[in-house]
């Protein structure tokens, strides 16, 4: 990671905690003041003790990587069970064979050979 990218990430962390403080200031006044302290503390650590700032930044990126891994599993599992699984059950219950898998069992290949000579008319209005 270049120095500019590191500085951008550090600035984003400080500004992010500041924004959270201002957003939550009215709803949670006691809790939001700690976000202000965290922002100030991070800013000072990043300026005064750069090696400690590097460690904090690496931890931040590891946390982001872990959250990304967890979120992808949750989203993919949700999409599967909410969307794909019911559709598959409907097709199974109705007995439809849209992929024509049953009719292809006795054939050697599922590909259809198509001997077609293309003419310029085939390329008009392709959509």
N, C-alpha and C. Protein backbone atom coordinates (compact mmCIF):
# COMPACT_ATOMS: atom_id res chain seq x y z
N UNK A 1 0.85 -1.16 0.00
CA UNK A 1 0.00 0.00 0.00
C UNK A 1 0.91 1.24 0.00
N UNK A 2 0.61 2.17 -0.90
CA UNK A 2 1.45 3.36 -0.99
C UNK A 2 1.16 4.31 0.18
N UNK A 3 2.04 5.28 0.33
CA UNK A 3 1.90 6.23 1.43
C UNK A 3 0.63 7.07 1.28
N UNK A 4 0.31 7.44 0.05
CA UNK A 4 -0.90 8.24 -0.20
C UNK A 4 -2.15 7.44 0.16
N UNK A 5 -2.19 6.17 -0.23
CA UNK A 5 -3.35 5.33 0.11
C UNK A 5 -3.48 5.15 1.61
N UNK A 6 -2.35 5.00 2.28
CA UNK A 6 -2.35 4.86 3.74
C UNK A 6 -2.90 6.12 4.40
N UNK A 7 -2.44 7.27 3.93
CA UNK A 7 -2.92 8.54 4.49
C UNK A 7 -4.41 8.73 4.22
N UNK A 8 -4.87 8.34 3.04
CA UNK A 8 -6.30 8.44 2.74
C UNK A 8 -7.12 7.56 3.68
N UNK A 9 -6.65 6.35 3.91
CA UNK A 9 -7.38 5.44 4.80
C UNK A 9 -7.40 5.98 6.22
N UNK A 10 -6.29 6.54 6.68
CA UNK A 10 -6.24 7.10 8.02
C UNK A 10 -7.18 8.29 8.15
N UNK A 11 -7.17 9.17 7.16
CA UNK A 11 -8.07 10.32 7.17
C UNK A 11 -9.52 9.88 7.13
N UNK A 12 -9.80 8.87 6.36
CA UNK A 12 -11.17 8.35 6.28
C UNK A 12 -11.63 7.80 7.62
N UNK A 13 -10.74 7.13 8.34
CA UNK A 13 -11.12 6.61 9.66
C UNK A 13 -11.45 7.76 10.61
N UNK A 14 -10.61 8.79 10.64
CA UNK A 14 -10.83 9.92 11.54
C UNK A 14 -12.13 10.63 11.18
N UNK A 15 -12.32 10.93 9.90
CA UNK A 15 -13.54 11.63 9.46
C UNK A 15 -14.77 10.75 9.67
N UNK A 16 -14.62 9.46 9.48
CA UNK A 16 -15.76 8.55 9.70
C UNK A 16 -16.26 8.59 11.13
N UNK A 17 -15.34 8.54 12.08
CA UNK A 17 -15.75 8.61 13.48
C UNK A 17 -16.34 9.98 13.82
N UNK A 18 -15.79 11.04 13.22
CA UNK A 18 -16.36 12.37 13.42
C UNK A 18 -17.78 12.45 12.88
N UNK A 19 -18.01 11.90 11.70
CA UNK A 19 -19.36 11.91 11.10
C UNK A 19 -20.33 11.12 11.97
N UNK A 20 -19.88 9.96 12.45
CA UNK A 20 -20.75 9.18 13.34
C UNK A 20 -21.09 9.96 14.60
N UNK A 21 -20.14 10.70 15.14
CA UNK A 21 -20.40 11.52 16.32
C UNK A 21 -21.50 12.53 16.02
N UNK A 22 -21.37 13.25 14.90
CA UNK A 22 -22.36 14.29 14.59
C UNK A 22 -23.72 13.70 14.22
N UNK A 23 -23.73 12.52 13.61
CA UNK A 23 -25.01 11.89 13.26
C UNK A 23 -25.75 11.37 14.49
N UNK A 24 -25.01 10.85 15.45
CA UNK A 24 -25.63 10.24 16.63
C UNK A 24 -25.69 11.17 17.83
N UNK A 25 -25.28 12.41 17.65
CA UNK A 25 -25.19 13.35 18.76
C UNK A 25 -26.55 13.60 19.42
N UNK A 26 -27.62 13.71 18.66
CA UNK A 26 -28.93 13.99 19.23
C UNK A 26 -29.60 12.76 19.82
N UNK A 27 -29.40 11.60 19.20
CA UNK A 27 -30.06 10.38 19.69
C UNK A 27 -29.35 9.78 20.89
N UNK A 28 -28.03 9.75 20.84
CA UNK A 28 -27.24 9.16 21.92
C UNK A 28 -26.15 10.13 22.37
N UNK A 29 -26.49 11.17 23.10
CA UNK A 29 -25.49 12.20 23.44
C UNK A 29 -24.34 11.66 24.29
N UNK A 30 -24.62 10.76 25.23
CA UNK A 30 -23.55 10.25 26.09
C UNK A 30 -22.60 9.34 25.33
N UNK A 31 -23.14 8.53 24.45
CA UNK A 31 -22.32 7.58 23.70
C UNK A 31 -21.56 8.27 22.58
N UNK A 32 -22.17 9.27 21.95
CA UNK A 32 -21.53 9.89 20.78
C UNK A 32 -20.28 10.68 21.15
N UNK A 33 -20.19 11.11 22.41
CA UNK A 33 -18.98 11.86 22.78
C UNK A 33 -17.75 10.97 22.75
N UNK A 34 -17.93 9.66 22.97
CA UNK A 34 -16.80 8.74 22.89
C UNK A 34 -16.30 8.62 21.45
N UNK A 35 -17.21 8.74 20.48
CA UNK A 35 -16.78 8.71 19.09
C UNK A 35 -15.90 9.91 18.77
N UNK A 36 -16.21 11.04 19.37
CA UNK A 36 -15.37 12.22 19.21
C UNK A 36 -13.98 11.98 19.79
N UNK A 37 -13.93 11.35 20.96
CA UNK A 37 -12.64 11.04 21.59
C UNK A 37 -11.85 10.03 20.75
N UNK A 38 -12.54 9.04 20.20
CA UNK A 38 -11.88 8.04 19.35
C UNK A 38 -11.29 8.72 18.13
N UNK A 39 -12.06 9.62 17.52
CA UNK A 39 -11.59 10.34 16.34
C UNK A 39 -10.36 11.18 16.67
N UNK A 40 -10.41 11.90 17.75
CA UNK A 40 -9.28 12.72 18.17
C UNK A 40 -8.07 11.85 18.49
N UNK A 41 -8.29 10.77 19.20
CA UNK A 41 -7.20 9.86 19.56
C UNK A 41 -6.55 9.24 18.34
N UNK A 42 -7.37 8.78 17.39
CA UNK A 42 -6.82 8.20 16.17
C UNK A 42 -6.01 9.23 15.40
N UNK A 43 -6.55 10.44 15.28
CA UNK A 43 -5.83 11.49 14.57
C UNK A 43 -4.47 11.77 15.19
N UNK A 44 -4.44 11.83 16.51
CA UNK A 44 -3.16 12.09 17.20
C UNK A 44 -2.19 10.92 17.05
N UNK A 45 -2.71 9.71 17.14
CA UNK A 45 -1.83 8.53 16.99
C UNK A 45 -1.26 8.49 15.57
N UNK A 46 -2.09 8.77 14.57
CA UNK A 46 -1.61 8.74 13.19
C UNK A 46 -0.55 9.80 12.95
N UNK A 47 -0.65 10.95 13.64
CA UNK A 47 0.33 12.03 13.45
C UNK A 47 1.59 11.83 14.28
N UNK A 48 1.43 11.41 15.53
CA UNK A 48 2.56 11.40 16.46
C UNK A 48 3.32 10.06 16.44
N UNK A 49 2.57 8.95 16.36
CA UNK A 49 3.19 7.62 16.44
C UNK A 49 2.83 6.82 15.17
N UNK A 50 3.48 7.09 14.04
CA UNK A 50 3.14 6.40 12.79
C UNK A 50 3.21 4.87 12.84
N UNK A 51 4.18 4.24 13.53
CA UNK A 51 4.18 2.77 13.56
C UNK A 51 2.92 2.20 14.23
N UNK A 52 2.45 2.85 15.29
CA UNK A 52 1.21 2.40 15.94
C UNK A 52 0.03 2.63 15.01
N UNK A 53 0.08 3.73 14.26
CA UNK A 53 -0.97 4.00 13.27
C UNK A 53 -1.02 2.92 12.21
N UNK A 54 0.15 2.42 11.82
CA UNK A 54 0.21 1.32 10.84
C UNK A 54 -0.46 0.06 11.39
N UNK A 55 -0.21 -0.24 12.64
CA UNK A 55 -0.81 -1.42 13.27
C UNK A 55 -2.33 -1.27 13.33
N UNK A 56 -2.80 -0.08 13.72
CA UNK A 56 -4.24 0.17 13.77
C UNK A 56 -4.85 0.03 12.38
N UNK A 57 -4.18 0.55 11.37
CA UNK A 57 -4.68 0.48 10.00
C UNK A 57 -4.74 -0.96 9.51
N UNK A 58 -3.71 -1.75 9.82
CA UNK A 58 -3.73 -3.16 9.42
C UNK A 58 -4.87 -3.91 10.10
N UNK A 59 -5.09 -3.61 11.37
CA UNK A 59 -6.22 -4.22 12.08
C UNK A 59 -7.54 -3.82 11.47
N UNK A 60 -7.64 -2.56 11.07
CA UNK A 60 -8.87 -2.06 10.45
C UNK A 60 -9.16 -2.80 9.15
N UNK A 61 -8.12 -3.00 8.34
CA UNK A 61 -8.30 -3.71 7.08
C UNK A 61 -8.60 -5.20 7.31
N UNK A 62 -8.03 -5.80 8.33
CA UNK A 62 -8.35 -7.19 8.66
C UNK A 62 -9.81 -7.31 9.09
N UNK A 63 -10.28 -6.33 9.88
CA UNK A 63 -11.69 -6.32 10.29
C UNK A 63 -12.60 -6.18 9.07
N UNK A 64 -12.22 -5.29 8.15
CA UNK A 64 -13.02 -5.12 6.93
C UNK A 64 -13.04 -6.40 6.10
N UNK A 65 -11.92 -7.08 6.03
CA UNK A 65 -11.85 -8.34 5.28
C UNK A 65 -12.74 -9.40 5.93
N UNK A 66 -12.71 -9.49 7.25
CA UNK A 66 -13.54 -10.45 7.96
C UNK A 66 -15.03 -10.14 7.76
N UNK A 67 -15.39 -8.87 7.88
CA UNK A 67 -16.80 -8.49 7.68
C UNK A 67 -17.26 -8.77 6.25
N UNK A 68 -16.38 -8.55 5.28
CA UNK A 68 -16.71 -8.87 3.89
C UNK A 68 -16.93 -10.35 3.69
N UNK A 69 -16.12 -11.17 4.32
CA UNK A 69 -16.28 -12.63 4.22
C UNK A 69 -17.61 -13.06 4.83
N UNK A 70 -17.93 -12.52 6.01
CA UNK A 70 -19.18 -12.87 6.68
C UNK A 70 -20.39 -12.39 5.87
N UNK A 71 -20.34 -11.14 5.40
CA UNK A 71 -21.47 -10.60 4.64
C UNK A 71 -21.72 -11.37 3.35
N UNK A 72 -20.66 -11.76 2.67
CA UNK A 72 -20.87 -12.51 1.43
C UNK A 72 -21.56 -13.84 1.71
N UNK A 73 -21.19 -14.50 2.79
CA UNK A 73 -21.84 -15.78 3.13
C UNK A 73 -23.31 -15.56 3.48
N UNK A 74 -23.59 -14.51 4.24
CA UNK A 74 -24.98 -14.23 4.63
C UNK A 74 -25.81 -13.90 3.39
N UNK A 75 -25.30 -13.02 2.53
CA UNK A 75 -26.05 -12.62 1.34
C UNK A 75 -26.28 -13.79 0.39
N UNK A 76 -25.24 -14.57 0.13
CA UNK A 76 -25.40 -15.69 -0.79
C UNK A 76 -26.33 -16.75 -0.23
N UNK A 77 -26.26 -17.00 1.07
CA UNK A 77 -27.17 -17.96 1.68
C UNK A 77 -28.61 -17.45 1.61
N UNK A 78 -28.80 -16.18 1.89
CA UNK A 78 -30.14 -15.59 1.81
C UNK A 78 -30.71 -15.66 0.41
N UNK A 79 -29.90 -15.30 -0.58
CA UNK A 79 -30.37 -15.35 -1.97
C UNK A 79 -30.73 -16.78 -2.35
N UNK A 80 -29.92 -17.73 -1.93
CA UNK A 80 -30.20 -19.12 -2.27
C UNK A 80 -31.53 -19.58 -1.69
N UNK A 81 -31.73 -19.38 -0.37
CA UNK A 81 -32.92 -19.92 0.27
C UNK A 81 -34.17 -19.09 0.02
N UNK A 82 -34.03 -17.81 -0.24
CA UNK A 82 -35.21 -16.97 -0.47
C UNK A 82 -35.63 -16.98 -1.93
N UNK A 83 -34.67 -17.07 -2.83
CA UNK A 83 -34.99 -16.93 -4.25
C UNK A 83 -34.84 -18.24 -5.02
N UNK A 84 -33.69 -18.84 -4.99
CA UNK A 84 -33.42 -19.99 -5.85
C UNK A 84 -34.07 -21.28 -5.38
N UNK A 85 -34.05 -21.54 -4.09
CA UNK A 85 -34.61 -22.78 -3.57
C UNK A 85 -36.12 -22.90 -3.84
N UNK A 86 -36.93 -21.85 -3.59
CA UNK A 86 -38.36 -21.96 -3.91
C UNK A 86 -38.62 -22.16 -5.40
N UNK A 87 -37.84 -21.51 -6.25
CA UNK A 87 -38.03 -21.69 -7.70
C UNK A 87 -37.72 -23.14 -8.09
N UNK A 88 -36.65 -23.67 -7.53
CA UNK A 88 -36.28 -25.06 -7.83
C UNK A 88 -37.37 -26.03 -7.36
N UNK A 89 -37.94 -25.76 -6.18
CA UNK A 89 -39.01 -26.63 -5.67
C UNK A 89 -40.26 -26.54 -6.54
N UNK A 90 -40.57 -25.35 -7.02
CA UNK A 90 -41.73 -25.21 -7.92
C UNK A 90 -41.54 -26.01 -9.20
N UNK A 91 -40.38 -25.93 -9.78
CA UNK A 91 -40.12 -26.71 -10.99
C UNK A 91 -40.15 -28.21 -10.70
N UNK A 92 -39.66 -28.60 -9.54
CA UNK A 92 -39.67 -30.01 -9.18
C UNK A 92 -41.10 -30.51 -8.98
N UNK A 93 -41.93 -29.68 -8.34
CA UNK A 93 -43.32 -30.07 -8.10
C UNK A 93 -44.13 -30.12 -9.39
N UNK A 94 -43.89 -29.19 -10.31
CA UNK A 94 -44.65 -29.18 -11.56
C UNK A 94 -44.14 -30.20 -12.56
N UNK A 95 -42.93 -30.71 -12.35
CA UNK A 95 -42.38 -31.73 -13.24
C UNK A 95 -41.84 -31.16 -14.54
N UNK A 96 -41.67 -29.86 -14.62
CA UNK A 96 -41.14 -29.26 -15.84
C UNK A 96 -39.66 -29.60 -15.99
N UNK A 97 -39.26 -29.76 -17.24
CA UNK A 97 -37.87 -30.06 -17.55
C UNK A 97 -37.37 -29.03 -18.56
N UNK A 98 -37.24 -27.78 -18.09
CA UNK A 98 -36.85 -26.70 -18.99
C UNK A 98 -35.45 -26.87 -19.55
N UNK A 99 -34.57 -27.50 -18.83
CA UNK A 99 -33.22 -27.72 -19.34
C UNK A 99 -33.14 -28.96 -20.22
N UNK A 100 -34.22 -29.68 -20.36
CA UNK A 100 -34.31 -30.89 -21.17
C UNK A 100 -33.26 -31.91 -20.77
N UNK A 101 -33.10 -32.08 -19.48
CA UNK A 101 -32.11 -33.03 -18.98
C UNK A 101 -32.58 -34.47 -19.13
N UNK A 102 -33.86 -34.72 -18.95
CA UNK A 102 -34.36 -36.10 -19.04
C UNK A 102 -34.31 -36.61 -20.47
N UNK A 103 -34.57 -35.74 -21.43
CA UNK A 103 -34.55 -36.18 -22.83
C UNK A 103 -33.12 -36.34 -23.34
N UNK A 104 -32.15 -35.85 -22.64
CA UNK A 104 -30.76 -35.90 -23.08
C UNK A 104 -30.00 -37.08 -22.47
N UNK A 105 -30.63 -37.85 -21.60
CA UNK A 105 -29.91 -38.92 -20.89
C UNK A 105 -29.37 -40.00 -21.82
N UNK A 106 -30.12 -40.34 -22.86
CA UNK A 106 -29.69 -41.40 -23.74
C UNK A 106 -28.78 -40.92 -24.87
N UNK A 107 -28.57 -39.62 -24.97
CA UNK A 107 -27.71 -39.08 -26.01
C UNK A 107 -26.26 -38.99 -25.52
N UNK A 108 -25.35 -38.96 -26.46
CA UNK A 108 -23.95 -38.85 -26.13
C UNK A 108 -23.58 -37.44 -25.67
N UNK A 109 -24.19 -36.43 -26.29
CA UNK A 109 -23.86 -35.05 -25.98
C UNK A 109 -25.14 -34.23 -25.88
N UNK A 110 -25.08 -33.16 -25.12
CA UNK A 110 -26.26 -32.30 -25.00
C UNK A 110 -26.23 -31.18 -26.03
N UNK A 111 -25.17 -31.09 -26.80
CA UNK A 111 -25.07 -30.05 -27.81
C UNK A 111 -25.82 -30.47 -29.06
N UNK A 112 -26.48 -29.50 -29.67
CA UNK A 112 -27.19 -29.76 -30.92
C UNK A 112 -26.31 -29.28 -32.07
N UNK A 113 -26.15 -30.14 -33.06
CA UNK A 113 -25.39 -29.73 -34.23
C UNK A 113 -26.33 -28.94 -35.13
N UNK A 114 -25.84 -27.80 -35.54
CA UNK A 114 -26.66 -26.93 -36.37
C UNK A 114 -25.82 -26.50 -37.56
N UNK A 115 -26.15 -27.01 -38.71
CA UNK A 115 -25.46 -26.62 -39.93
C UNK A 115 -26.27 -25.48 -40.55
N UNK A 116 -25.77 -24.29 -40.37
CA UNK A 116 -26.48 -23.12 -40.85
C UNK A 116 -25.50 -22.19 -41.51
N UNK A 117 -25.83 -21.76 -42.69
CA UNK A 117 -24.99 -20.80 -43.38
C UNK A 117 -25.53 -19.41 -43.07
N UNK A 118 -24.67 -18.61 -42.47
CA UNK A 118 -25.09 -17.27 -42.08
C UNK A 118 -25.12 -16.34 -43.29
N UNK A 119 -26.17 -15.56 -43.33
CA UNK A 119 -26.34 -14.56 -44.38
C UNK A 119 -26.42 -13.19 -43.72
N UNK A 120 -26.22 -12.12 -44.48
CA UNK A 120 -26.27 -10.78 -43.87
C UNK A 120 -27.58 -10.49 -43.14
N UNK A 121 -28.68 -11.10 -43.54
CA UNK A 121 -29.97 -10.87 -42.88
C UNK A 121 -29.94 -11.37 -41.43
N UNK A 122 -29.14 -12.40 -41.13
CA UNK A 122 -29.05 -12.92 -39.78
C UNK A 122 -28.46 -11.90 -38.79
N UNK A 123 -27.66 -10.98 -39.29
CA UNK A 123 -27.01 -10.01 -38.42
C UNK A 123 -27.81 -8.72 -38.25
N UNK A 124 -28.96 -8.61 -38.89
CA UNK A 124 -29.81 -7.45 -38.71
C UNK A 124 -30.73 -7.69 -37.52
N UNK A 125 -30.94 -6.67 -36.71
CA UNK A 125 -31.84 -6.75 -35.55
C UNK A 125 -31.49 -7.94 -34.66
N UNK A 126 -30.22 -8.02 -34.26
CA UNK A 126 -29.81 -9.17 -33.44
C UNK A 126 -30.44 -9.16 -32.06
N UNK A 127 -30.92 -8.02 -31.60
CA UNK A 127 -31.51 -7.96 -30.27
C UNK A 127 -32.98 -8.18 -30.38
